[in-house]
ModelCIF file with pLDDT and N, C-alpha, C, O atoms, coordinates in Angstrom:
data_MODEL
#
_entry.id   MODEL 
#
_entity.id                         1 
_entity.type                       polymer 
_entity.pdbx_number_of_molecules   1 
#
_entity_poly.entity_id                      1 
_entity_poly.type                           'polypeptide(L)' 
_entity_poly.nstd_linkage                   no 
_entity_poly.nstd_monomer                   no 
_entity_poly.pdbx_seq_one_letter_code       WFRQAPGKEREFVGAISWSGSSTYYADSVAGRYTISRDHAK 
_entity_poly.pdbx_seq_one_letter_code_can   WFRQAPGKEREFVGAISWSGSSTYYADSVAGRYTISRDHAK 
_entity_poly.pdbx_strand_id                 A 
#
loop_
_entity_poly_seq.entity_id 
_entity_poly_seq.num 
_entity_poly_seq.mon_id 
_entity_poly_seq.hetero 
1 1  TRP n 
1 2  PHE n 
1 3  ARG n 
1 4  GLN n 
1 5  ALA n 
1 6  PRO n 
1 7  GLY n 
1 8  LYS n 
1 9  GLU n 
1 10 ARG n 
1 11 GLU n 
1 12 PHE n 
1 13 VAL n 
1 14 GLY n 
1 15 ALA n 
1 16 ILE n 
1 17 SER n 
1 18 TRP n 
1 19 SER n 
1 20 GLY n 
1 21 SER n 
1 22 SER n 
1 23 THR n 
1 24 TYR n 
1 25 TYR n 
1 26 ALA n 
1 27 ASP n 
1 28 SER n 
1 29 VAL n 
1 30 ALA n 
1 31 GLY n 
1 32 ARG n 
1 33 TYR n 
1 34 THR n 
1 35 ILE n 
1 36 SER n 
1 37 ARG n 
1 38 ASP n 
1 39 HIS n 
1 40 ALA n 
1 41 LYS n 
#
_struct_asym.id          A 
_struct_asym.entity_id   1 
#
loop_
_ma_qa_metric.id 
_ma_qa_metric.mode 
_ma_qa_metric.name 
_ma_qa_metric.software_group_id 
_ma_qa_metric.type 
1 global pLDDT . pLDDT 
2 local  pLDDT . pLDDT 
#
_ma_qa_metric_global.metric_id      1 
_ma_qa_metric_global.metric_value   96.02 
_ma_qa_metric_global.model_id       1 
_ma_qa_metric_global.ordinal_id     1 
#
loop_
_ma_qa_metric_local.label_asym_id 
_ma_qa_metric_local.label_comp_id 
_ma_qa_metric_local.label_seq_id 
_ma_qa_metric_local.metric_id 
_ma_qa_metric_local.metric_value 
_ma_qa_metric_local.model_id 
_ma_qa_metric_local.ordinal_id 
A TRP 1  2 98.00 1 1  
A PHE 2  2 98.00 1 2  
A ARG 3  2 98.00 1 3  
A GLN 4  2 98.00 1 4  
A ALA 5  2 96.00 1 5  
A PRO 6  2 92.00 1 6  
A GLY 7  2 94.00 1 7  
A LYS 8  2 96.00 1 8  
A GLU 9  2 96.00 1 9  
A ARG 10 2 96.00 1 10 
A GLU 11 2 96.00 1 11 
A PHE 12 2 97.00 1 12 
A VAL 13 2 98.00 1 13 
A GLY 14 2 97.00 1 14 
A ALA 15 2 97.00 1 15 
A ILE 16 2 97.00 1 16 
A SER 17 2 96.00 1 17 
A TRP 18 2 94.00 1 18 
A SER 19 2 94.00 1 19 
A GLY 20 2 93.00 1 20 
A SER 21 2 94.00 1 21 
A SER 22 2 95.00 1 22 
A THR 23 2 96.00 1 23 
A TYR 24 2 95.00 1 24 
A TYR 25 2 96.00 1 25 
A ALA 26 2 96.00 1 26 
A ASP 27 2 96.00 1 27 
A SER 28 2 97.00 1 28 
A VAL 29 2 98.00 1 29 
A ALA 30 2 97.00 1 30 
A GLY 31 2 97.00 1 31 
A ARG 32 2 98.00 1 32 
A TYR 33 2 98.00 1 33 
A THR 34 2 98.00 1 34 
A ILE 35 2 98.00 1 35 
A SER 36 2 98.00 1 36 
A ARG 37 2 96.00 1 37 
A ASP 38 2 95.00 1 38 
A HIS 39 2 93.00 1 39 
A ALA 40 2 92.00 1 40 
A LYS 41 2 93.00 1 41 
#
loop_
_atom_site.group_PDB 
_atom_site.id 
_atom_site.type_symbol 
_atom_site.label_atom_id 
_atom_site.label_alt_id 
_atom_site.label_comp_id 
_atom_site.label_asym_id 
_atom_site.label_entity_id 
_atom_site.label_seq_id 
_atom_site.pdbx_PDB_ins_code 
_atom_site.Cartn_x 
_atom_site.Cartn_y 
_atom_site.Cartn_z 
_atom_site.occupancy 
_atom_site.B_iso_or_equiv 
_atom_site.pdbx_formal_charge 
_atom_site.auth_seq_id 
_atom_site.auth_comp_id 
_atom_site.auth_asym_id 
_atom_site.auth_atom_id 
_atom_site.pdbx_PDB_model_num 
ATOM 1   N N  . TRP A 1 1  ? -10.828 73.893 -125.038 1.00 98.00 ? 1  TRP A N  1 
ATOM 2   C CA . TRP A 1 1  ? -10.359 74.105 -123.673 1.00 98.00 ? 1  TRP A CA 1 
ATOM 3   C C  . TRP A 1 1  ? -11.141 73.170 -122.746 1.00 98.00 ? 1  TRP A C  1 
ATOM 4   O O  . TRP A 1 1  ? -12.358 73.030 -122.859 1.00 98.00 ? 1  TRP A O  1 
ATOM 5   N N  . PHE A 1 2  ? -10.423 72.549 -121.849 1.00 98.00 ? 2  PHE A N  1 
ATOM 6   C CA . PHE A 1 2  ? -11.003 71.661 -120.855 1.00 98.00 ? 2  PHE A CA 1 
ATOM 7   C C  . PHE A 1 2  ? -10.463 72.059 -119.487 1.00 98.00 ? 2  PHE A C  1 
ATOM 8   O O  . PHE A 1 2  ? -9.476  72.787 -119.382 1.00 98.00 ? 2  PHE A O  1 
ATOM 9   N N  . ARG A 1 3  ? -11.111 71.582 -118.464 1.00 98.00 ? 3  ARG A N  1 
ATOM 10  C CA . ARG A 1 3  ? -10.605 71.807 -117.112 1.00 98.00 ? 3  ARG A CA 1 
ATOM 11  C C  . ARG A 1 3  ? -10.859 70.576 -116.264 1.00 98.00 ? 3  ARG A C  1 
ATOM 12  O O  . ARG A 1 3  ? -11.762 69.781 -116.526 1.00 98.00 ? 3  ARG A O  1 
ATOM 13  N N  . GLN A 1 4  ? -10.034 70.448 -115.244 1.00 98.00 ? 4  GLN A N  1 
ATOM 14  C CA . GLN A 1 4  ? -10.186 69.318 -114.338 1.00 98.00 ? 4  GLN A CA 1 
ATOM 15  C C  . GLN A 1 4  ? -9.899  69.771 -112.919 1.00 98.00 ? 4  GLN A C  1 
ATOM 16  O O  . GLN A 1 4  ? -8.801  70.232 -112.606 1.00 98.00 ? 4  GLN A O  1 
ATOM 17  N N  . ALA A 1 5  ? -10.895 69.632 -112.077 1.00 96.00 ? 5  ALA A N  1 
ATOM 18  C CA . ALA A 1 5  ? -10.750 69.944 -110.658 1.00 96.00 ? 5  ALA A CA 1 
ATOM 19  C C  . ALA A 1 5  ? -10.363 68.672 -109.913 1.00 96.00 ? 5  ALA A C  1 
ATOM 20  O O  . ALA A 1 5  ? -10.613 67.572 -110.405 1.00 96.00 ? 5  ALA A O  1 
ATOM 21  N N  . PRO A 1 6  ? -9.757  68.804 -108.739 1.00 92.00 ? 6  PRO A N  1 
ATOM 22  C CA . PRO A 1 6  ? -9.350  67.610 -107.974 1.00 92.00 ? 6  PRO A CA 1 
ATOM 23  C C  . PRO A 1 6  ? -10.527 66.695 -107.697 1.00 92.00 ? 6  PRO A C  1 
ATOM 24  O O  . PRO A 1 6  ? -11.570 67.132 -107.212 1.00 92.00 ? 6  PRO A O  1 
ATOM 25  N N  . GLY A 1 7  ? -10.347 65.419 -108.011 1.00 94.00 ? 7  GLY A N  1 
ATOM 26  C CA . GLY A 1 7  ? -11.370 64.434 -107.749 1.00 94.00 ? 7  GLY A CA 1 
ATOM 27  C C  . GLY A 1 7  ? -12.519 64.420 -108.737 1.00 94.00 ? 7  GLY A C  1 
ATOM 28  O O  . GLY A 1 7  ? -13.489 63.683 -108.563 1.00 94.00 ? 7  GLY A O  1 
ATOM 29  N N  . LYS A 1 8  ? -12.407 65.237 -109.776 1.00 96.00 ? 8  LYS A N  1 
ATOM 30  C CA . LYS A 1 8  ? -13.479 65.308 -110.774 1.00 96.00 ? 8  LYS A CA 1 
ATOM 31  C C  . LYS A 1 8  ? -12.967 64.916 -112.147 1.00 96.00 ? 8  LYS A C  1 
ATOM 32  O O  . LYS A 1 8  ? -11.762 64.912 -112.401 1.00 96.00 ? 8  LYS A O  1 
ATOM 33  N N  . GLU A 1 9  ? -13.895 64.589 -113.021 1.00 96.00 ? 9  GLU A N  1 
ATOM 34  C CA . GLU A 1 9  ? -13.534 64.240 -114.384 1.00 96.00 ? 9  GLU A CA 1 
ATOM 35  C C  . GLU A 1 9  ? -13.186 65.504 -115.184 1.00 96.00 ? 9  GLU A C  1 
ATOM 36  O O  . GLU A 1 9  ? -13.580 66.617 -114.836 1.00 96.00 ? 9  GLU A O  1 
ATOM 37  N N  . ARG A 1 10 ? -12.440 65.286 -116.254 1.00 96.00 ? 10 ARG A N  1 
ATOM 38  C CA . ARG A 1 10 ? -12.108 66.396 -117.142 1.00 96.00 ? 10 ARG A CA 1 
ATOM 39  C C  . ARG A 1 10 ? -13.398 66.920 -117.783 1.00 96.00 ? 10 ARG A C  1 
ATOM 40  O O  . ARG A 1 10 ? -14.232 66.147 -118.255 1.00 96.00 ? 10 ARG A O  1 
ATOM 41  N N  . GLU A 1 11 ? -13.537 68.219 -117.787 1.00 96.00 ? 11 GLU A N  1 
ATOM 42  C CA . GLU A 1 11 ? -14.775 68.873 -118.212 1.00 96.00 ? 11 GLU A CA 1 
ATOM 43  C C  . GLU A 1 11 ? -14.532 69.785 -119.402 1.00 96.00 ? 11 GLU A C  1 
ATOM 44  O O  . GLU A 1 11 ? -13.561 70.543 -119.423 1.00 96.00 ? 11 GLU A O  1 
ATOM 45  N N  . PHE A 1 12 ? -15.399 69.715 -120.377 1.00 97.00 ? 12 PHE A N  1 
ATOM 46  C CA . PHE A 1 12 ? -15.321 70.598 -121.531 1.00 97.00 ? 12 PHE A CA 1 
ATOM 47  C C  . PHE A 1 12 ? -15.671 72.030 -121.127 1.00 97.00 ? 12 PHE A C  1 
ATOM 48  O O  . PHE A 1 12 ? -16.634 72.259 -120.395 1.00 97.00 ? 12 PHE A O  1 
ATOM 49  N N  . VAL A 1 13 ? -14.888 72.984 -121.607 1.00 98.00 ? 13 VAL A N  1 
ATOM 50  C CA . VAL A 1 13 ? -15.131 74.398 -121.342 1.00 98.00 ? 13 VAL A CA 1 
ATOM 51  C C  . VAL A 1 13 ? -15.628 75.105 -122.598 1.00 98.00 ? 13 VAL A C  1 
ATOM 52  O O  . VAL A 1 13 ? -16.652 75.788 -122.567 1.00 98.00 ? 13 VAL A O  1 
ATOM 53  N N  . GLY A 1 14 ? -14.914 74.942 -123.685 1.00 97.00 ? 14 GLY A N  1 
ATOM 54  C CA . GLY A 1 14 ? -15.296 75.591 -124.926 1.00 97.00 ? 14 GLY A CA 1 
ATOM 55  C C  . GLY A 1 14 ? -14.355 75.204 -126.044 1.00 97.00 ? 14 GLY A C  1 
ATOM 56  O O  . GLY A 1 14 ? -13.330 74.561 -125.815 1.00 97.00 ? 14 GLY A O  1 
ATOM 57  N N  . ALA A 1 15 ? -14.711 75.601 -127.262 1.00 97.00 ? 15 ALA A N  1 
ATOM 58  C CA . ALA A 1 15 ? -13.888 75.261 -128.419 1.00 97.00 ? 15 ALA A CA 1 
ATOM 59  C C  . ALA A 1 15 ? -14.027 76.343 -129.477 1.00 97.00 ? 15 ALA A C  1 
ATOM 60  O O  . ALA A 1 15 ? -15.009 77.085 -129.521 1.00 97.00 ? 15 ALA A O  1 
ATOM 61  N N  . ILE A 1 16 ? -13.016 76.405 -130.323 1.00 97.00 ? 16 ILE A N  1 
ATOM 62  C CA . ILE A 1 16 ? -13.019 77.355 -131.431 1.00 97.00 ? 16 ILE A CA 1 
ATOM 63  C C  . ILE A 1 16 ? -12.581 76.622 -132.686 1.00 97.00 ? 16 ILE A C  1 
ATOM 64  O O  . ILE A 1 16 ? -11.668 75.797 -132.648 1.00 97.00 ? 16 ILE A O  1 
ATOM 65  N N  . SER A 1 17 ? -13.234 76.927 -133.795 1.00 96.00 ? 17 SER A N  1 
ATOM 66  C CA . SER A 1 17 ? -12.908 76.267 -135.050 1.00 96.00 ? 17 SER A CA 1 
ATOM 67  C C  . SER A 1 17 ? -11.578 76.768 -135.603 1.00 96.00 ? 17 SER A C  1 
ATOM 68  O O  . SER A 1 17 ? -11.033 77.766 -135.131 1.00 96.00 ? 17 SER A O  1 
ATOM 69  N N  . TRP A 1 18 ? -11.072 76.074 -136.592 1.00 94.00 ? 18 TRP A N  1 
ATOM 70  C CA . TRP A 1 18 ? -9.765  76.424 -137.135 1.00 94.00 ? 18 TRP A CA 1 
ATOM 71  C C  . TRP A 1 18 ? -9.750  77.857 -137.665 1.00 94.00 ? 18 TRP A C  1 
ATOM 72  O O  . TRP A 1 18 ? -8.743  78.556 -137.555 1.00 94.00 ? 18 TRP A O  1 
ATOM 73  N N  . SER A 1 19 ? -10.867 78.286 -138.235 1.00 94.00 ? 19 SER A N  1 
ATOM 74  C CA . SER A 1 19 ? -10.924 79.623 -138.823 1.00 94.00 ? 19 SER A CA 1 
ATOM 75  C C  . SER A 1 19 ? -11.192 80.701 -137.784 1.00 94.00 ? 19 SER A C  1 
ATOM 76  O O  . SER A 1 19 ? -10.954 81.885 -138.024 1.00 94.00 ? 19 SER A O  1 
ATOM 77  N N  . GLY A 1 20 ? -11.688 80.277 -136.629 1.00 93.00 ? 20 GLY A N  1 
ATOM 78  C CA . GLY A 1 20 ? -12.095 81.248 -135.620 1.00 93.00 ? 20 GLY A CA 1 
ATOM 79  C C  . GLY A 1 20 ? -13.514 81.743 -135.801 1.00 93.00 ? 20 GLY A C  1 
ATOM 80  O O  . GLY A 1 20 ? -13.990 82.551 -135.004 1.00 93.00 ? 20 GLY A O  1 
ATOM 81  N N  . SER A 1 21 ? -14.187 81.282 -136.814 1.00 94.00 ? 21 SER A N  1 
ATOM 82  C CA . SER A 1 21 ? -15.529 81.777 -137.111 1.00 94.00 ? 21 SER A CA 1 
ATOM 83  C C  . SER A 1 21 ? -16.600 81.123 -136.255 1.00 94.00 ? 21 SER A C  1 
ATOM 84  O O  . SER A 1 21 ? -17.709 81.644 -136.135 1.00 94.00 ? 21 SER A O  1 
ATOM 85  N N  . SER A 1 22 ? -16.272 79.982 -135.659 1.00 95.00 ? 22 SER A N  1 
ATOM 86  C CA . SER A 1 22 ? -17.255 79.275 -134.821 1.00 95.00 ? 22 SER A CA 1 
ATOM 87  C C  . SER A 1 22 ? -16.675 79.024 -133.438 1.00 95.00 ? 22 SER A C  1 
ATOM 88  O O  . SER A 1 22 ? -15.513 78.646 -133.291 1.00 95.00 ? 22 SER A O  1 
ATOM 89  N N  . THR A 1 23 ? -17.501 79.241 -132.439 1.00 96.00 ? 23 THR A N  1 
ATOM 90  C CA . THR A 1 23 ? -17.136 78.913 -131.067 1.00 96.00 ? 23 THR A CA 1 
ATOM 91  C C  . THR A 1 23 ? -18.304 78.185 -130.413 1.00 96.00 ? 23 THR A C  1 
ATOM 92  O O  . THR A 1 23 ? -19.449 78.262 -130.858 1.00 96.00 ? 23 THR A O  1 
ATOM 93  N N  . TYR A 1 24 ? -17.973 77.488 -129.354 1.00 95.00 ? 24 TYR A N  1 
ATOM 94  C CA . TYR A 1 24 ? -18.975 76.664 -128.667 1.00 95.00 ? 24 TYR A CA 1 
ATOM 95  C C  . TYR A 1 24 ? -18.563 76.581 -127.211 1.00 95.00 ? 24 TYR A C  1 
ATOM 96  O O  . TYR A 1 24 ? -17.397 76.321 -126.911 1.00 95.00 ? 24 TYR A O  1 
ATOM 97  N N  . TYR A 1 25 ? -19.509 76.800 -126.297 1.00 96.00 ? 25 TYR A N  1 
ATOM 98  C CA . TYR A 1 25 ? -19.182 76.854 -124.879 1.00 96.00 ? 25 TYR A CA 1 
ATOM 99  C C  . TYR A 1 25 ? -20.073 75.936 -124.066 1.00 96.00 ? 25 TYR A C  1 
ATOM 100 O O  . TYR A 1 25 ? -21.222 75.672 -124.420 1.00 96.00 ? 25 TYR A O  1 
ATOM 101 N N  . ALA A 1 26 ? -19.516 75.463 -122.978 1.00 96.00 ? 26 ALA A N  1 
ATOM 102 C CA . ALA A 1 26 ? -20.325 74.756 -121.998 1.00 96.00 ? 26 ALA A CA 1 
ATOM 103 C C  . ALA A 1 26 ? -21.280 75.753 -121.339 1.00 96.00 ? 26 ALA A C  1 
ATOM 104 O O  . ALA A 1 26 ? -20.972 76.938 -121.208 1.00 96.00 ? 26 ALA A O  1 
ATOM 105 N N  . ASP A 1 27 ? -22.426 75.256 -120.936 1.00 96.00 ? 27 ASP A N  1 
ATOM 106 C CA . ASP A 1 27 ? -23.423 76.127 -120.307 1.00 96.00 ? 27 ASP A CA 1 
ATOM 107 C C  . ASP A 1 27 ? -22.869 76.807 -119.058 1.00 96.00 ? 27 ASP A C  1 
ATOM 108 O O  . ASP A 1 27 ? -23.247 77.934 -118.737 1.00 96.00 ? 27 ASP A O  1 
ATOM 109 N N  . SER A 1 28 ? -21.980 76.122 -118.365 1.00 97.00 ? 28 SER A N  1 
ATOM 110 C CA . SER A 1 28 ? -21.465 76.641 -117.097 1.00 97.00 ? 28 SER A CA 1 
ATOM 111 C C  . SER A 1 28 ? -20.594 77.881 -117.270 1.00 97.00 ? 28 SER A C  1 
ATOM 112 O O  . SER A 1 28 ? -20.387 78.623 -116.310 1.00 97.00 ? 28 SER A O  1 
ATOM 113 N N  . VAL A 1 29 ? -20.080 78.119 -118.474 1.00 98.00 ? 29 VAL A N  1 
ATOM 114 C CA . VAL A 1 29 ? -19.193 79.259 -118.701 1.00 98.00 ? 29 VAL A CA 1 
ATOM 115 C C  . VAL A 1 29 ? -19.716 80.215 -119.753 1.00 98.00 ? 29 VAL A C  1 
ATOM 116 O O  . VAL A 1 29 ? -19.158 81.299 -119.919 1.00 98.00 ? 29 VAL A O  1 
ATOM 117 N N  . ALA A 1 30 ? -20.758 79.853 -120.462 1.00 97.00 ? 30 ALA A N  1 
ATOM 118 C CA . ALA A 1 30 ? -21.296 80.700 -121.538 1.00 97.00 ? 30 ALA A CA 1 
ATOM 119 C C  . ALA A 1 30 ? -21.662 82.073 -120.977 1.00 97.00 ? 30 ALA A C  1 
ATOM 120 O O  . ALA A 1 30 ? -22.304 82.192 -119.933 1.00 97.00 ? 30 ALA A O  1 
ATOM 121 N N  . GLY A 1 31 ? -21.239 83.090 -121.696 1.00 97.00 ? 31 GLY A N  1 
ATOM 122 C CA . GLY A 1 31 ? -21.491 84.456 -121.259 1.00 97.00 ? 31 GLY A CA 1 
ATOM 123 C C  . GLY A 1 31 ? -20.411 85.019 -120.361 1.00 97.00 ? 31 GLY A C  1 
ATOM 124 O O  . GLY A 1 31 ? -20.349 86.229 -120.142 1.00 97.00 ? 31 GLY A O  1 
ATOM 125 N N  . ARG A 1 32 ? -19.561 84.152 -119.838 1.00 98.00 ? 32 ARG A N  1 
ATOM 126 C CA . ARG A 1 32 ? -18.460 84.612 -118.971 1.00 98.00 ? 32 ARG A CA 1 
ATOM 127 C C  . ARG A 1 32 ? -17.099 84.390 -119.634 1.00 98.00 ? 32 ARG A C  1 
ATOM 128 O O  . ARG A 1 32 ? -16.167 85.166 -119.422 1.00 98.00 ? 32 ARG A O  1 
ATOM 129 N N  . TYR A 1 33 ? -16.992 83.341 -120.427 1.00 98.00 ? 33 TYR A N  1 
ATOM 130 C CA . TYR A 1 33 ? -15.733 82.992 -121.075 1.00 98.00 ? 33 TYR A CA 1 
ATOM 131 C C  . TYR A 1 33 ? -15.811 83.297 -122.565 1.00 98.00 ? 33 TYR A C  1 
ATOM 132 O O  . TYR A 1 33 ? -16.873 83.198 -123.179 1.00 98.00 ? 33 TYR A O  1 
ATOM 133 N N  . THR A 1 34 ? -14.679 83.666 -123.132 1.00 98.00 ? 34 THR A N  1 
ATOM 134 C CA . THR A 1 34 ? -14.597 83.920 -124.565 1.00 98.00 ? 34 THR A CA 1 
ATOM 135 C C  . THR A 1 34 ? -13.299 83.330 -125.109 1.00 98.00 ? 34 THR A C  1 
ATOM 136 O O  . THR A 1 34 ? -12.217 83.559 -124.567 1.00 98.00 ? 34 THR A O  1 
ATOM 137 N N  . ILE A 1 35 ? -13.429 82.574 -126.182 1.00 98.00 ? 35 ILE A N  1 
ATOM 138 C CA . ILE A 1 35 ? -12.261 81.988 -126.837 1.00 98.00 ? 35 ILE A CA 1 
ATOM 139 C C  . ILE A 1 35 ? -11.993 82.741 -128.131 1.00 98.00 ? 35 ILE A C  1 
ATOM 140 O O  . ILE A 1 35 ? -12.914 83.056 -128.885 1.00 98.00 ? 35 ILE A O  1 
ATOM 141 N N  . SER A 1 36 ? -10.729 83.023 -128.375 1.00 98.00 ? 36 SER A N  1 
ATOM 142 C CA . SER A 1 36 ? -10.337 83.678 -129.618 1.00 98.00 ? 36 SER A CA 1 
ATOM 143 C C  . SER A 1 36 ? -9.007  83.092 -130.069 1.00 98.00 ? 36 SER A C  1 
ATOM 144 O O  . SER A 1 36 ? -8.325  82.404 -129.308 1.00 98.00 ? 36 SER A O  1 
ATOM 145 N N  . ARG A 1 37 ? -8.651  83.372 -131.309 1.00 96.00 ? 37 ARG A N  1 
ATOM 146 C CA . ARG A 1 37 ? -7.365  82.872 -131.785 1.00 96.00 ? 37 ARG A CA 1 
ATOM 147 C C  . ARG A 1 37 ? -6.710  83.896 -132.695 1.00 96.00 ? 37 ARG A C  1 
ATOM 148 O O  . ARG A 1 37 ? -7.371  84.691 -133.362 1.00 96.00 ? 37 ARG A O  1 
ATOM 149 N N  . ASP A 1 38 ? -5.392  83.845 -132.694 1.00 95.00 ? 38 ASP A N  1 
ATOM 150 C CA . ASP A 1 38 ? -4.569  84.721 -133.517 1.00 95.00 ? 38 ASP A CA 1 
ATOM 151 C C  . ASP A 1 38 ? -3.679  83.827 -134.361 1.00 95.00 ? 38 ASP A C  1 
ATOM 152 O O  . ASP A 1 38 ? -2.708  83.255 -133.864 1.00 95.00 ? 38 ASP A O  1 
ATOM 153 N N  . HIS A 1 39 ? -4.007  83.713 -135.620 1.00 93.00 ? 39 HIS A N  1 
ATOM 154 C CA . HIS A 1 39 ? -3.242  82.819 -136.493 1.00 93.00 ? 39 HIS A CA 1 
ATOM 155 C C  . HIS A 1 39 ? -1.809  83.296 -136.681 1.00 93.00 ? 39 HIS A C  1 
ATOM 156 O O  . HIS A 1 39 ? -0.892  82.483 -136.796 1.00 93.00 ? 39 HIS A O  1 
ATOM 157 N N  . ALA A 1 40 ? -1.618  84.574 -136.713 1.00 92.00 ? 40 ALA A N  1 
ATOM 158 C CA . ALA A 1 40 ? -0.267  85.101 -136.916 1.00 92.00 ? 40 ALA A CA 1 
ATOM 159 C C  . ALA A 1 40 ? 0.659   84.724 -135.770 1.00 92.00 ? 40 ALA A C  1 
ATOM 160 O O  . ALA A 1 40 ? 1.858   84.533 -135.971 1.00 92.00 ? 40 ALA A O  1 
ATOM 161 N N  . LYS A 1 41 ? 0.103   84.618 -134.567 1.00 93.00 ? 41 LYS A N  1 
ATOM 162 C CA . LYS A 1 41 ? 0.910   84.295 -133.387 1.00 93.00 ? 41 LYS A CA 1 
ATOM 163 C C  . LYS A 1 41 ? 0.789   82.833 -132.992 1.00 93.00 ? 41 LYS A C  1 
ATOM 164 O O  . LYS A 1 41 ? 1.408   82.403 -132.018 1.00 93.00 ? 41 LYS A O  1 
#
């Protein structure tokens, strides 16, 4: 997941591995954002 505010560069937010077993977050959102995935959907 990335985000881009007006006039700013695209910023990394977080990522999740294909299996869902690993996640990684930017410091600015860690503890507030959570990434998950549903393979069936």
